[in-house]
Amino acid sequence: MGFIAPRRALIAIAAWLPFFLLWTSVAMSPGTVTLGEALVGALISMGSAGALSILVWWTCKRWPWPSGFRIRYSSRQDRRRSIAS
């Protein structure tokens, strides 16, 4: 039971590693950025994206989508959408 958290962390790292490497290689492709700068930029970008994804996951867990069509929910979303735009 004590190995669940490290196992999840390893899964998360394995999931984000390809994006991290892709971001680093794209940053280095013009030739104006050093490897160190590209790694720091990728670490900041992927770290903030990972933190945002955890926040979205917790939010969706806290307030799930309704399981069917509800006119009250849809009208509330339409009002919020019109206010935001």
Protein backbone atom coordinates (compact mmCIF):
# COMPACT_ATOMS: atom_id res chain seq x y z
CA MET A 1 0.00 0.00 0.00
CA GLY A 2 2.91 2.37 0.61
CA PHE A 3 4.06 2.15 -3.00
CA ILE A 4 0.91 3.63 -4.55
CA ALA A 5 2.03 7.28 -4.51
CA PRO A 6 5.50 6.64 -6.01
CA ARG A 7 3.92 4.37 -8.62
CA ARG A 8 1.45 7.08 -9.64
CA ALA A 9 4.29 9.60 -9.78
CA LEU A 10 6.25 7.31 -12.10
CA ILE A 11 3.21 6.87 -14.32
CA ALA A 12 2.74 10.64 -14.49
CA ILE A 13 6.41 11.19 -15.32
CA ALA A 14 6.26 8.53 -18.02
CA ALA A 15 3.16 10.18 -19.50
CA TRP A 16 4.67 13.69 -19.57
CA LEU A 17 8.19 12.71 -20.69
CA PRO A 18 7.42 12.54 -24.45
CA PHE A 19 5.85 16.01 -24.34
CA PHE A 20 8.84 17.32 -22.40
CA LEU A 21 11.28 15.92 -24.95
CA LEU A 22 9.22 17.21 -27.87
CA TRP A 23 9.01 20.69 -26.32
CA THR A 24 12.79 20.69 -25.76
CA SER A 25 13.54 19.60 -29.32
CA VAL A 26 11.16 22.17 -30.84
CA ALA A 27 12.73 24.91 -28.72
CA MET A 28 16.19 23.92 -29.92
CA SER A 29 15.24 23.56 -33.60
CA PRO A 30 15.97 27.17 -34.67
CA GLY A 31 19.49 26.90 -33.24
CA THR A 32 19.28 30.05 -31.13
CA VAL A 33 18.57 28.31 -27.82
CA THR A 34 21.07 26.24 -25.88
CA LEU A 35 20.23 22.85 -24.42
CA GLY A 36 20.13 24.25 -20.88
CA GLU A 37 17.75 27.05 -21.84
CA ALA A 38 15.51 24.64 -23.71
CA LEU A 39 15.42 22.25 -20.74
CA VAL A 40 14.53 25.03 -18.31
CA GLY A 41 11.81 26.35 -20.63
CA ALA A 42 10.39 22.86 -21.14
CA LEU A 43 10.48 22.18 -17.40
CA ILE A 44 8.57 25.38 -16.66
CA SER A 45 6.03 24.75 -19.43
CA MET A 46 5.43 21.09 -18.63
CA GLY A 47 5.38 21.76 -14.88
CA SER A 48 2.73 24.44 -15.20
CA ALA A 49 0.73 22.26 -17.63
CA GLY A 50 0.92 19.35 -15.18
CA ALA A 51 -0.20 21.53 -12.29
CA LEU A 52 -3.09 22.89 -14.35
CA SER A 53 -4.14 19.37 -15.36
CA ILE A 54 -4.23 18.31 -11.70
CA LEU A 55 -6.37 21.37 -10.89
CA VAL A 56 -8.78 20.55 -13.74
CA TRP A 57 -8.93 16.90 -12.66
CA TRP A 58 -9.81 17.86 -9.07
CA THR A 59 -12.38 20.39 -10.29
CA CYS A 60 -14.08 17.81 -12.53
CA LYS A 61 -14.05 15.35 -9.67
CA ARG A 62 -15.64 17.94 -7.36
CA TRP A 63 -18.27 19.21 -9.84
CA PRO A 64 -18.98 16.43 -12.37
CA TRP A 65 -20.93 16.91 -15.58
CA PRO A 66 -24.61 15.92 -15.34
CA SER A 67 -25.40 12.48 -16.73
CA GLY A 68 -28.23 13.61 -18.99
CA PHE A 69 -29.61 16.66 -20.73
CA ARG A 70 -31.05 19.15 -18.30
CA ILE A 71 -32.52 22.40 -19.53
CA ARG A 72 -31.64 24.18 -16.27
CA TYR A 73 -27.98 23.25 -16.53
CA SER A 74 -27.82 24.12 -20.25
CA SER A 75 -29.47 27.51 -19.77
CA ARG A 76 -27.09 28.32 -16.91
CA GLN A 77 -24.11 27.43 -19.11
CA ASP A 78 -25.52 29.57 -21.95
CA ARG A 79 -25.84 32.56 -19.61
CA ARG A 80 -22.28 32.13 -18.37
CA ARG A 81 -21.01 31.77 -21.91
CA SER A 82 -22.76 34.95 -23.03
CA ILE A 83 -21.40 36.87 -20.04
CA ALA A 84 -17.86 35.66 -20.71
CA SER A 85 -17.95 36.66 -24.36
